Every structure is written in structure tokens, then in C-alpha cells.
Amino acid sequence: MTEIDACRGALRELAIGRLAGRDVRTSHLVEAGLDAIVAGLDTPSLALLAGLGSAAEDAVDKAFGQVVDELGLDLPADPTAARWLLIHGWLTAMVEGRLSPAAGGALVSEVGELLGSPQALRGITRWSAMLDSWIPTDLTPRDVCEVPILEESAELLEGPWPPSPRHP
């Protein structure tokens, strides 16, 4: 993957996060624009985005939307699809060892709430909450929470996507 591809991917991920309803800071949008310009990506609105201060929220939002359009970034059809796409990516990253169960579980829990806390994600959410309240002096190893997060992640990825509702 080239540096330009990585920057396009980062811009797409930010756009998906915004579509999903996550809190994406304007400073992250401006920084991604600067990174893309440095990498050699060029669109008319990218220079505008990179030159804006993160305090100019409305202007940053407008410029970022134009960058997404100019780059033709492929985005999900709606917020629900964006949320499931993000969750799928985090589950995959956890199973592949690129994302810790603590960080991934927290992300899945956050976006799962935006989906109305679907039954399919409740196990990960529960284990993540337990892991979040784990105390370093606790005699219980972190694996007690991390392993079930990874197991549930792998199980979800093996089934239909998005997961069908499970019954208790």
C-alpha cells in the first residue's frame, strides 16, 4: 500500500465515522488533509481543508465533504451500514491481532450503542465493560475478559453480516 493509498484510506475511515455518528474532531479532518497533501494527493478542496484551522468547524465540514466527493470515496449507503462496517473492521482487527481486545471492545461498544445495543454485540459489550473496570492489582488476569471478546468477535465474523438478531 502506498502512502497515498493509506491517506485515502484514512480520509475514508474518517468519512465513515462521521456518517456513522461518531464524534470526529475537526482537527483530525484537517490533519488528515495535511497528511494527504504531504503524501502527494491532490484535489482542489484538499488544500482548502488542510489550510483551515480546526476552530472553523463549518468550513472544515464543508471542505471535508468536498474532498470526499472529489476523491470519489466509496461510503456506505446510510448510518446503520456505516456502523456495521466499522464494527466488522474492528472485529477483524482484533481477531488478526492488530487491535487489542480492550481498545476494540470499547469501539464496538460505543458504536453498538448507536445501533441500539443489538443482542449480537451484548457479550462483547459486557466483557468490554468488565475489562474497562479491571484494576491492575486485581488477581484475575485480563485474559478472563480478553479471550471471550476475541472468541465472540471470531464467532460474529463467521456468521452472516450484519449479524442476525440472537434471542436470549
Protein backbone atom coordinates (compact mmCIF):
# COMPACT_ATOMS: atom_id res chain seq x y z
CA MET A 1 0.00 0.00 0.00
CA THR A 2 1.38 3.37 -0.98
CA GLU A 3 1.37 6.39 1.26
CA ILE A 4 -1.30 7.97 -0.96
CA ASP A 5 -3.48 4.84 -0.60
CA ALA A 6 -3.02 4.99 3.18
CA CYS A 7 -4.11 8.66 3.20
CA ARG A 8 -7.15 7.89 1.04
CA GLY A 9 -7.99 5.09 3.47
CA ALA A 10 -7.63 7.41 6.47
CA LEU A 11 -9.88 10.03 4.84
CA ARG A 12 -12.44 7.32 4.01
CA GLU A 13 -12.36 5.98 7.57
CA LEU A 14 -12.99 9.48 8.94
CA ALA A 15 -15.89 9.94 6.50
CA ILE A 16 -17.39 6.59 7.52
CA GLY A 17 -17.00 7.52 11.19
CA ARG A 18 -18.83 10.79 10.62
CA LEU A 19 -21.58 9.04 8.66
CA ALA A 20 -21.90 6.50 11.50
CA GLY A 21 -22.44 9.32 14.00
CA ARG A 22 -19.10 9.08 15.79
CA ASP A 23 -17.55 12.25 17.19
CA VAL A 24 -14.85 13.03 14.62
CA ARG A 25 -12.91 16.14 15.60
CA THR A 26 -12.32 18.82 13.02
CA SER A 27 -8.63 18.79 13.99
CA HIS A 28 -8.45 15.14 12.78
CA LEU A 29 -10.00 16.14 9.45
CA VAL A 30 -7.52 18.98 8.97
CA GLU A 31 -4.61 16.73 9.97
CA ALA A 32 -5.73 14.03 7.52
CA GLY A 33 -5.88 16.68 4.81
CA LEU A 34 -2.35 17.85 5.60
CA ASP A 35 -1.07 14.26 5.61
CA ALA A 36 -2.70 13.64 2.22
CA ILE A 37 -1.11 16.73 0.67
CA VAL A 38 2.32 15.80 2.05
CA ALA A 39 1.85 12.29 0.59
CA GLY A 40 1.15 13.82 -2.83
CA LEU A 41 -2.63 13.53 -3.03
CA ASP A 42 -4.12 16.48 -4.87
CA THR A 43 -7.70 17.72 -5.16
CA PRO A 44 -8.97 21.30 -5.29
CA SER A 45 -10.61 21.12 -1.86
CA LEU A 46 -7.80 19.24 -0.13
CA ALA A 47 -5.60 22.33 0.01
CA LEU A 48 -8.53 24.31 1.39
CA LEU A 49 -9.17 21.67 4.08
CA ALA A 50 -5.51 21.46 5.05
CA GLY A 51 -5.27 25.24 5.36
CA LEU A 52 -8.23 25.65 7.67
CA GLY A 53 -7.94 25.97 11.41
CA SER A 54 -9.79 23.29 13.35
CA ALA A 55 -11.82 26.04 15.06
CA ALA A 56 -13.58 26.80 11.75
CA GLU A 57 -15.92 23.80 12.13
CA ASP A 58 -18.47 24.69 9.46
CA ALA A 59 -15.79 25.45 6.87
CA VAL A 60 -13.90 22.25 7.75
CA ASP A 61 -17.11 20.19 7.45
CA LYS A 62 -17.89 21.69 4.05
CA ALA A 63 -14.32 21.28 2.74
CA PHE A 64 -14.13 17.69 4.01
CA GLY A 65 -17.40 16.84 2.25
CA GLN A 66 -15.98 18.28 -0.97
CA VAL A 67 -12.75 16.24 -0.55
CA VAL A 68 -14.80 13.06 -0.11
CA ASP A 69 -16.75 13.87 -3.29
CA GLU A 70 -13.63 14.83 -5.31
CA LEU A 71 -11.82 11.64 -4.30
CA GLY A 72 -14.91 9.55 -5.05
CA LEU A 73 -14.56 7.74 -1.73
CA ASP A 74 -16.86 4.74 -1.51
CA LEU A 75 -19.08 5.19 1.54
CA PRO A 76 -21.85 3.03 2.94
CA ALA A 77 -25.40 3.91 1.98
CA ASP A 78 -26.56 5.05 5.41
CA PRO A 79 -25.51 5.46 9.07
CA THR A 80 -26.56 1.92 10.02
CA ALA A 81 -24.47 0.38 7.24
CA ALA A 82 -21.54 2.62 8.25
CA ARG A 83 -21.80 1.45 11.86
CA TRP A 84 -21.80 -2.23 10.89
CA LEU A 85 -18.87 -1.64 8.54
CA LEU A 86 -16.83 -0.05 11.33
CA ILE A 87 -17.70 -2.87 13.73
CA HIS A 88 -16.72 -5.50 11.16
CA GLY A 89 -13.37 -3.80 10.69
CA TRP A 90 -12.68 -3.67 14.42
CA LEU A 91 -13.72 -7.29 14.97
CA THR A 92 -11.41 -8.34 12.12
CA ALA A 93 -8.53 -6.29 13.51
CA MET A 94 -8.98 -7.84 16.96
CA VAL A 95 -9.09 -11.40 15.61
CA GLU A 96 -6.00 -10.72 13.48
CA GLY A 97 -4.15 -9.24 16.47
CA ARG A 98 -3.89 -5.71 15.04
CA LEU A 99 -6.19 -4.23 17.71
CA SER A 100 -6.25 -5.09 21.39
CA PRO A 101 -9.46 -6.59 22.83
CA ALA A 102 -9.62 -3.64 25.25
CA ALA A 103 -9.49 -0.98 22.54
CA GLY A 104 -11.58 -2.94 20.05
CA GLY A 105 -14.21 -3.89 22.61
CA ALA A 106 -14.58 -0.25 23.63
CA LEU A 107 -15.04 0.82 19.99
CA VAL A 108 -17.57 -1.94 19.32
CA SER A 109 -19.46 -0.96 22.48
CA GLU A 110 -19.51 2.72 21.51
CA VAL A 111 -20.89 2.12 18.03
CA GLY A 112 -23.11 -0.71 19.25
CA GLU A 113 -24.92 1.86 21.40
CA LEU A 114 -25.57 3.92 18.26
CA LEU A 115 -27.18 0.77 16.79
CA GLY A 116 -29.44 0.42 19.82
CA SER A 117 -27.27 -2.19 21.60
CA PRO A 118 -28.12 -5.18 19.40
CA GLN A 119 -28.23 -8.56 21.11
CA ALA A 120 -25.41 -9.86 18.87
CA LEU A 121 -22.95 -7.35 20.40
CA ARG A 122 -24.02 -7.58 24.04
CA GLY A 123 -21.46 -10.22 25.01
CA ILE A 124 -18.58 -8.11 23.70
CA THR A 125 -20.07 -5.04 25.37
CA ARG A 126 -20.39 -6.86 28.71
CA TRP A 127 -16.83 -8.26 28.61
CA SER A 128 -15.51 -4.88 27.49
CA ALA A 129 -17.18 -3.13 30.43
CA MET A 130 -15.65 -5.68 32.80
CA LEU A 131 -12.25 -5.18 31.20
CA ASP A 132 -12.66 -1.41 31.45
CA SER A 133 -13.23 -1.67 35.19
CA TRP A 134 -10.34 -4.12 35.69
CA ILE A 135 -7.89 -2.97 38.38
CA PRO A 136 -4.15 -3.57 37.78
CA THR A 137 -3.79 -5.03 41.28
CA ASP A 138 -6.65 -7.47 40.63
CA LEU A 139 -5.58 -11.10 40.91
CA THR A 140 -7.82 -12.02 37.98
CA PRO A 141 -5.83 -11.93 34.72
CA ARG A 142 -7.04 -9.67 31.93
CA ASP A 143 -7.37 -12.77 29.74
CA VAL A 144 -10.56 -13.64 31.61
CA CYS A 145 -12.19 -10.74 29.74
CA GLU A 146 -9.98 -10.54 26.63
CA VAL A 147 -10.38 -14.15 25.50
CA PRO A 148 -14.22 -14.04 25.41
CA ILE A 149 -14.07 -10.76 23.46
CA LEU A 150 -11.85 -12.44 20.86
CA GLU A 151 -13.99 -15.59 20.79
CA GLU A 152 -17.21 -13.64 20.31
CA SER A 153 -15.53 -11.49 17.64
CA ALA A 154 -14.46 -14.58 15.67
CA GLU A 155 -17.93 -16.12 16.06
CA LEU A 156 -19.63 -12.99 14.75
CA LEU A 157 -17.28 -12.81 11.76
CA GLU A 158 -18.08 -16.43 10.83
CA GLY A 159 -21.81 -15.77 10.67
CA PRO A 160 -23.98 -13.63 8.41
CA TRP A 161 -23.15 -9.95 8.23
CA PRO A 162 -24.57 -7.89 9.73
CA PRO A 163 -25.38 -10.45 12.39
CA SER A 164 -28.94 -11.60 12.68
CA PRO A 165 -30.58 -10.89 16.00
CA ARG A 166 -29.90 -13.52 18.63
CA HIS A 167 -32.51 -14.45 21.14
CA PRO A 168 -31.54 -14.72 24.83
